[in-house]
Each structure stands twice: as structure tokens, then as C-alpha cells.
C-alpha atoms as a PDB file:
ATOM      1  CA  MET A   1      -0.005  -0.002  -0.002  1.00  0.00           C
ATOM      2  CA  SER A   2       1.568   3.252  -1.160  1.00  0.00           C
ATOM      3  CA  HIS A   3       1.427   6.328   1.001  1.00  0.00           C
ATOM      4  CA  TYR A   4       0.034   8.424  -1.860  1.00  0.00           C
ATOM      5  CA  THR A   5      -2.915   6.027  -2.247  1.00  0.00           C
ATOM      6  CA  VAL A   6      -3.663   6.508   1.460  1.00  0.00           C
ATOM      7  CA  LYS A   7      -3.583  10.289   0.964  1.00  0.00           C
ATOM      8  CA  LEU A   8      -5.851   9.935  -2.076  1.00  0.00           C
ATOM      9  CA  ALA A   9      -8.278   7.770  -0.100  1.00  0.00           C
ATOM     10  CA  ARG A  10      -8.491  10.436   2.607  1.00  0.00           C
ATOM     11  CA  PHE A  11      -9.011  13.111  -0.030  1.00  0.00           C
ATOM     12  CA  VAL A  12     -11.852  11.147  -1.654  1.00  0.00           C
ATOM     13  CA  ARG A  13     -13.456  10.421   1.710  1.00  0.00           C
ATOM     14  CA  ASP A  14     -13.343  14.056   2.771  1.00  0.00           C
ATOM     15  CA  ILE A  15     -14.448  15.627  -0.530  1.00  0.00           C
ATOM     16  CA  LEU A  16     -17.467  13.315  -0.734  1.00  0.00           C
ATOM     17  CA  ASP A  17     -18.284  13.723   2.979  1.00  0.00           C
ATOM     18  CA  GLN A  18     -18.128   9.999   3.666  1.00  0.00           C
ATOM     19  CA  PRO A  19     -17.723   8.583   7.180  1.00  0.00           C
ATOM     20  CA  GLU A  20     -14.268   7.391   8.213  1.00  0.00           C
ATOM     21  CA  PHE A  21     -13.505   3.775   7.206  1.00  0.00           C
ATOM     22  CA  ALA A  22     -17.053   3.269   5.952  1.00  0.00           C
ATOM     23  CA  VAL A  23     -16.764   2.969   2.181  1.00  0.00           C
ATOM     24  CA  VAL A  24     -13.197   3.696   1.002  1.00  0.00           C
ATOM     25  CA  GLN A  25     -10.793   0.781   0.435  1.00  0.00           C
ATOM     26  CA  ILE A  26      -7.316   0.718  -1.018  1.00  0.00           C
ATOM     27  CA  GLY A  27      -6.677  -1.963  -3.636  1.00  0.00           C
ATOM     28  CA  ARG A  28      -8.784  -4.983  -4.375  1.00  0.00           C
ATOM     29  CA  GLN A  29      -7.249  -7.537  -2.033  1.00  0.00           C
ATOM     30  CA  ASN A  30      -9.947  -9.622  -0.353  1.00  0.00           C
ATOM     31  CA  LEU A  31     -12.681  -7.494  -1.964  1.00  0.00           C
ATOM     32  CA  ARG A  32     -16.102  -8.838  -1.080  1.00  0.00           C
ATOM     33  CA  ARG A  33     -19.264  -7.377  -2.480  1.00  0.00           C
ATOM     34  CA  ASP A  34     -22.108  -8.777  -0.437  1.00  0.00           C
ATOM     35  CA  ASN A  35     -24.467  -5.888  -1.094  1.00  0.00           C
ATOM     36  CA  PHE A  36     -24.546  -4.551  -4.647  1.00  0.00           C
ATOM     37  CA  SER A  37     -26.618  -1.470  -3.836  1.00  0.00           C
ATOM     38  CA  ASP A  38     -24.479   0.117  -1.069  1.00  0.00           C
ATOM     39  CA  LEU A  39     -21.787   2.591  -2.048  1.00  0.00           C
ATOM     40  CA  GLN A  40     -18.258   1.222  -2.106  1.00  0.00           C
ATOM     41  CA  ILE A  41     -15.186   3.203  -3.224  1.00  0.00           C
ATOM     42  CA  ILE A  42     -11.911   1.524  -4.250  1.00  0.00           C
ATOM     43  CA  ILE A  43      -8.644   3.458  -4.664  1.00  0.00           C
ATOM     44  CA  ASP A  44      -5.966   1.916  -6.870  1.00  0.00           C
ATOM     45  CA  SER A  45      -2.634   2.938  -8.371  1.00  0.00           C
ATOM     46  CA  LEU A  46      -2.140   2.008 -11.999  1.00  0.00           C
ATOM     47  CA  GLY A  47       1.619   1.941 -12.252  1.00  0.00           C
ATOM     48  CA  ALA A  48       4.935   3.234 -11.062  1.00  0.00           C
ATOM     49  CA  ALA A  49       5.261   6.800  -9.884  1.00  0.00           C
ATOM     50  CA  LYS A  50       7.385   8.948 -12.175  1.00  0.00           C
ATOM     51  CA  ARG A  51       9.861  11.409 -10.628  1.00  0.00           C
ATOM     52  CA  LEU A  52       9.226  14.941 -11.835  1.00  0.00           C
ATOM     53  CA  ASN A  53      12.012  16.867 -10.067  1.00  0.00           C
ATOM     54  CA  ALA A  54      14.304  16.991  -7.081  1.00  0.00           C
ATOM     55  CA  SER A  55      15.554  19.797  -4.880  1.00  0.00           C
ATOM     56  CA  GLU A  56      17.691  20.505  -1.874  1.00  0.00           C
ATOM     57  CA  LYS A  57      17.583  23.464   0.489  1.00  0.00           C
ATOM     58  CA  TYR A  58      19.914  24.382   3.333  1.00  0.00           C
ATOM     59  CA  ASP A  59      18.791  26.339   6.395  1.00  0.00           C
ATOM     60  CA  GLY A  60      21.855  27.863   8.055  1.00  0.00           C
ATOM     61  CA  ASN A  61      20.002  28.786  11.237  1.00  0.00           C
ATOM     62  CA  THR A  62      18.838  25.262  12.047  1.00  0.00           C
ATOM     63  CA  GLU A  63      21.733  23.599  10.188  1.00  0.00           C
ATOM     64  CA  LEU A  64      19.363  21.296   8.320  1.00  0.00           C
ATOM     65  CA  MET A  65      19.608  20.233   4.681  1.00  0.00           C
ATOM     66  CA  THR A  66      16.223  19.267   3.219  1.00  0.00           C
ATOM     67  CA  PHE A  67      16.224  16.885   0.270  1.00  0.00           C
ATOM     68  CA  ALA A  68      12.922  16.631  -1.633  1.00  0.00           C
ATOM     69  CA  GLN A  69      11.589  14.771  -4.681  1.00  0.00           C
ATOM     70  CA  GLN A  70       8.268  15.264  -6.436  1.00  0.00           C
ATOM     71  CA  TYR A  71       6.466  12.361  -8.108  1.00  0.00           C
ATOM     72  CA  SER A  72       3.417  11.872 -10.319  1.00  0.00           C
ATOM     73  CA  ALA A  73       1.408   8.631 -10.344  1.00  0.00           C
ATOM     74  CA  PRO A  74      -1.612   7.456 -12.313  1.00  0.00           C
ATOM     75  CA  CYS A  75      -4.514   6.322 -10.105  1.00  0.00           C
ATOM     76  CA  THR A  76      -8.121   5.226 -10.367  1.00  0.00           C
ATOM     77  CA  VAL A  77     -11.087   5.723  -8.090  1.00  0.00           C
ATOM     78  CA  ASN A  78     -13.760   3.050  -8.619  1.00  0.00           C
ATOM     79  CA  PHE A  79     -17.328   3.531  -7.443  1.00  0.00           C
ATOM     80  CA  TYR A  80     -19.685   0.585  -6.849  1.00  0.00           C
ATOM     81  CA  GLY A  81     -23.366   0.692  -5.869  1.00  0.00           C
ATOM     82  CA  ASP A  82     -26.639   2.255  -6.935  1.00  0.00           C
ATOM     83  CA  ASP A  83     -25.267   5.822  -6.791  1.00  0.00           C
ATOM     84  CA  ALA A  84     -21.924   4.987  -8.403  1.00  0.00           C
ATOM     85  CA  GLY A  85     -22.403   7.181 -11.483  1.00  0.00           C
ATOM     86  CA  THR A  86     -23.605  10.154  -9.468  1.00  0.00           C
ATOM     87  CA  MET A  87     -20.739   9.848  -6.997  1.00  0.00           C
ATOM     88  CA  ALA A  88     -18.146   9.526  -9.786  1.00  0.00           C
ATOM     89  CA  GLU A  89     -19.427  12.684 -11.461  1.00  0.00           C
ATOM     90  CA  LYS A  90     -19.634  14.503  -8.114  1.00  0.00           C
ATOM     91  CA  PHE A  91     -16.035  13.553  -7.319  1.00  0.00           C
ATOM     92  CA  ALA A  92     -14.780  14.741 -10.714  1.00  0.00           C
ATOM     93  CA  LEU A  93     -16.481  18.106 -10.259  1.00  0.00           C
ATOM     94  CA  LEU A  94     -15.562  18.657  -6.610  1.00  0.00           C
ATOM     95  CA  ALA A  95     -11.888  17.771  -7.171  1.00  0.00           C
ATOM     96  CA  GLN A  96     -11.444  21.122  -8.943  1.00  0.00           C
ATOM     97  CA  SER A  97     -13.487  23.162  -6.453  1.00  0.00           C
ATOM     98  CA  GLN A  98     -12.236  25.406  -3.656  1.00  0.00           C
ATOM     99  CA  LYS A  99     -13.004  22.638  -1.175  1.00  0.00           C
ATOM    100  CA  GLY A 100     -10.902  20.271  -3.300  1.00  0.00           C
ATOM    101  CA  TYR A 101      -8.024  22.761  -3.314  1.00  0.00           C
ATOM    102  CA  GLU A 102      -8.148  23.156   0.482  1.00  0.00           C
ATOM    103  CA  LEU A 103      -8.252  19.367   0.991  1.00  0.00           C
ATOM    104  CA  GLN A 104      -5.285  18.932  -1.331  1.00  0.00           C
ATOM    105  CA  LEU A 105      -3.320  21.352   0.850  1.00  0.00           C
ATOM    106  CA  LEU A 106      -4.464  19.542   3.993  1.00  0.00           C
ATOM    107  CA  HIS A 107      -3.477  16.084   2.721  1.00  0.00           C
ATOM    108  CA  LYS A 108      -0.296  17.338   0.953  1.00  0.00           C
ATOM    109  CA  ILE A 109      -1.267  15.861  -2.391  1.00  0.00           C
ATOM    110  CA  ALA A 110      -2.251  17.277  -5.792  1.00  0.00           C
ATOM    111  CA  VAL A 111      -5.168  15.618  -7.553  1.00  0.00           C
ATOM    112  CA  PHE A 112      -5.610  16.704 -11.131  1.00  0.00           C
ATOM    113  CA  ASN A 113      -6.318  15.702 -14.709  1.00  0.00           C
ATOM    114  CA  VAL A 114      -9.489  13.689 -14.177  1.00  0.00           C
ATOM    115  CA  SER A 115      -9.194  12.320 -17.685  1.00  0.00           C
ATOM    116  CA  SER A 116     -12.117   9.912 -17.883  1.00  0.00           C
ATOM    117  CA  ILE A 117     -15.201   8.509 -16.215  1.00  0.00           C
ATOM    118  CA  THR A 118     -15.811   4.969 -17.513  1.00  0.00           C
ATOM    119  CA  ASP A 119     -18.942   2.903 -17.025  1.00  0.00           C
ATOM    120  CA  LEU A 120     -17.328  -0.457 -16.226  1.00  0.00           C
ATOM    121  CA  LYS A 121     -20.681  -2.198 -16.063  1.00  0.00           C
ATOM    122  CA  LEU A 122     -20.820  -2.089 -19.842  1.00  0.00           C
ATOM    123  CA  LEU A 123     -17.279  -3.418 -20.217  1.00  0.00           C
ATOM    124  CA  ALA A 124     -17.783  -6.256 -17.746  1.00  0.00           C
ATOM    125  CA  SER A 125     -21.265  -7.153 -19.089  1.00  0.00           C
ATOM    126  CA  GLU A 126     -22.871  -6.796 -15.671  1.00  0.00           C
ATOM    127  CA  GLN A 127     -26.595  -6.277 -15.445  1.00  0.00           C
ATOM    128  CA  TYR A 128     -27.351  -5.843 -11.752  1.00  0.00           C
ATOM    129  CA  SER A 129     -24.790  -3.442 -10.383  1.00  0.00           C
ATOM    130  CA  GLN A 130     -23.310  -0.048 -11.146  1.00  0.00           C
ATOM    131  CA  ARG A 131     -19.530   0.369 -11.582  1.00  0.00           C
ATOM    132  CA  PHE A 132     -17.784   3.575 -12.593  1.00  0.00           C
ATOM    133  CA  GLU A 133     -14.070   4.309 -12.746  1.00  0.00           C
ATOM    134  CA  VAL A 134     -12.455   7.751 -12.591  1.00  0.00           C
ATOM    135  CA  ALA A 135      -8.893   7.980 -13.957  1.00  0.00           C
ATOM    136  CA  LEU A 136      -6.653  10.755 -12.630  1.00  0.00           C
ATOM    137  CA  GLN A 137      -3.098  11.818 -11.783  1.00  0.00           C
ATOM    138  CA  VAL A 138      -1.737  12.346  -8.282  1.00  0.00           C
ATOM    139  CA  GLN A 139       1.326  14.439  -7.468  1.00  0.00           C
ATOM    140  CA  TYR A 140       3.088  14.192  -4.129  1.00  0.00           C
ATOM    141  CA  THR A 141       6.399  15.148  -2.557  1.00  0.00           C
ATOM    142  CA  ILE A 142       8.676  13.188  -0.279  1.00  0.00           C
ATOM    143  CA  SER A 143      11.400  14.853   1.761  1.00  0.00           C
ATOM    144  CA  ALA A 144      14.076  14.125   4.335  1.00  0.00           C
ATOM    145  CA  ASP A 145      15.934  16.453   6.683  1.00  0.00           C
ATOM    146  CA  VAL A 146      19.603  15.813   7.373  1.00  0.00           C
ATOM    147  CA  GLU A 147      21.638  17.627  10.015  1.00  0.00           C
ATOM    148  CA  MET A 148      24.604  19.317   8.366  1.00  0.00           C
ATOM    149  CA  LEU A 149      27.009  21.703  10.089  1.00  0.00           C
ATOM    150  CA  ARG A 150      27.622  24.942   8.300  1.00  0.00           C
ATOM    151  CA  ILE A 151      31.165  26.078   7.486  1.00  0.00           C
ATOM    152  CA  ASP A 152      31.821  29.438   9.102  1.00  0.00           C
ATOM    153  CA  THR A 153      35.491  29.686   8.110  1.00  0.00           C
ATOM    154  CA  ALA A 154      37.314  27.725   5.500  1.00  0.00           C
ATOM    155  CA  GLN A 155      40.250  25.570   6.598  1.00  0.00           C
ATOM    156  CA  THR A 156      43.183  26.413   4.329  1.00  0.00           C
ATOM    157  CA  LYS A 157      46.876  25.570   4.268  1.00  0.00           C
ATOM    158  CA  THR A 158      49.432  27.961   2.792  1.00  0.00           C
ATOM    159  CA  ILE A 159      52.647  26.520   1.340  1.00  0.00           C
ATOM    160  CA  THR A 160      55.577  28.915   1.792  1.00  0.00           C
ATOM    161  CA  ASP A 161      58.583  26.730   0.927  1.00  0.00           C
ATOM    162  CA  ARG A 162      58.998  27.437  -2.791  1.00  0.00           C
ATOM    163  CA  GLU A 163      61.986  25.153  -3.289  1.00  0.00           C
ATOM    164  CA  ASN A 164      60.096  22.071  -2.170  1.00  0.00           C
ATOM    165  CA  TYR A 165      57.002  23.142  -3.976  1.00  0.00           C
ATOM    166  CA  TYR A 166      58.592  23.857  -7.409  1.00  0.00           C
ATOM    167  CA  GLY A 167      61.206  21.178  -7.145  1.00  0.00           C
END
């Protein structure tokens, strides 16, 4: 379970005003669907995260060097249940709202490029349940702080014996 999928799950839960641990799951391991009408939301990553950039910043006051890397990863949010289509559309719209922006800041994740909403019921030839998938990109940053002493004065050595130096 990737940490960015956990952040995305919290974002989805909060933007759709769902109760904690009620409907959002990460991945499809041991997925049981006993009730086909209740809402169920599945968060999944589609592949490897791609590094976008890296940075380092030194704070001389605290003597800390911060190393950071920013990544982008493709993810899906799957909605199951009677209101799956409505919830998928609601999520796609609210992700770009002011509330979505504030939740992205809170969870330290960027959710963007909702590229498609697919009715999976048609692809899987199901007749009795609703399944919708929202494809999107997630950006996140990882960082580490390392203590590093600053150099106040440079240590230098001056050679004054020219004969030994020039041979």
C-alpha cells in the first residue's frame, strides 16, 4: 500500500463527505461485495510513480539540509453501488473546487487531470450493479531532513617553501 494512495483515499473520503472507514478501500485484495446497492469506493494505483523533479535546500540557522523529490502517479477511483455514477461525477467536479483545493493542501497531495469517467458495467457485461471508474493523476512530494554543520570559516593551508614546492 503506497502512502500516496492513502492520501488519495483520505481526499476522496473528505471531498465526498463519507464517514471514516465506511466505504473507502485501497486496492482490491480480499474485496467482497455482499451488497450490490451500497456505495463502495476503491482506490488503486495504475503503475509506477514517475519522478518529476528533485531539490535541496539548506537552512543555516537550524543547520538542516532538506532533500525533496516530487512524483506523479496514475490512479483510479472506482465507485460501486446504486449511486456509483452520481458519486463519480460529483467527485470529478468537486476535485477542482475550492474545497478540493483546500483538501489537497491539507493532505499534501495534488489531484488533477481527471481524464475519464468509464462505465465499467458495460465493459464487464454486468446487469445488476453499477460500476464507474475515474482515472486521474496524483502528485506528491517526499522529503528528508539531514543535520549538516555549516562552514563558518574555510580551513586552508598555505605553502611557503618554494623550493620544495617547485622542485
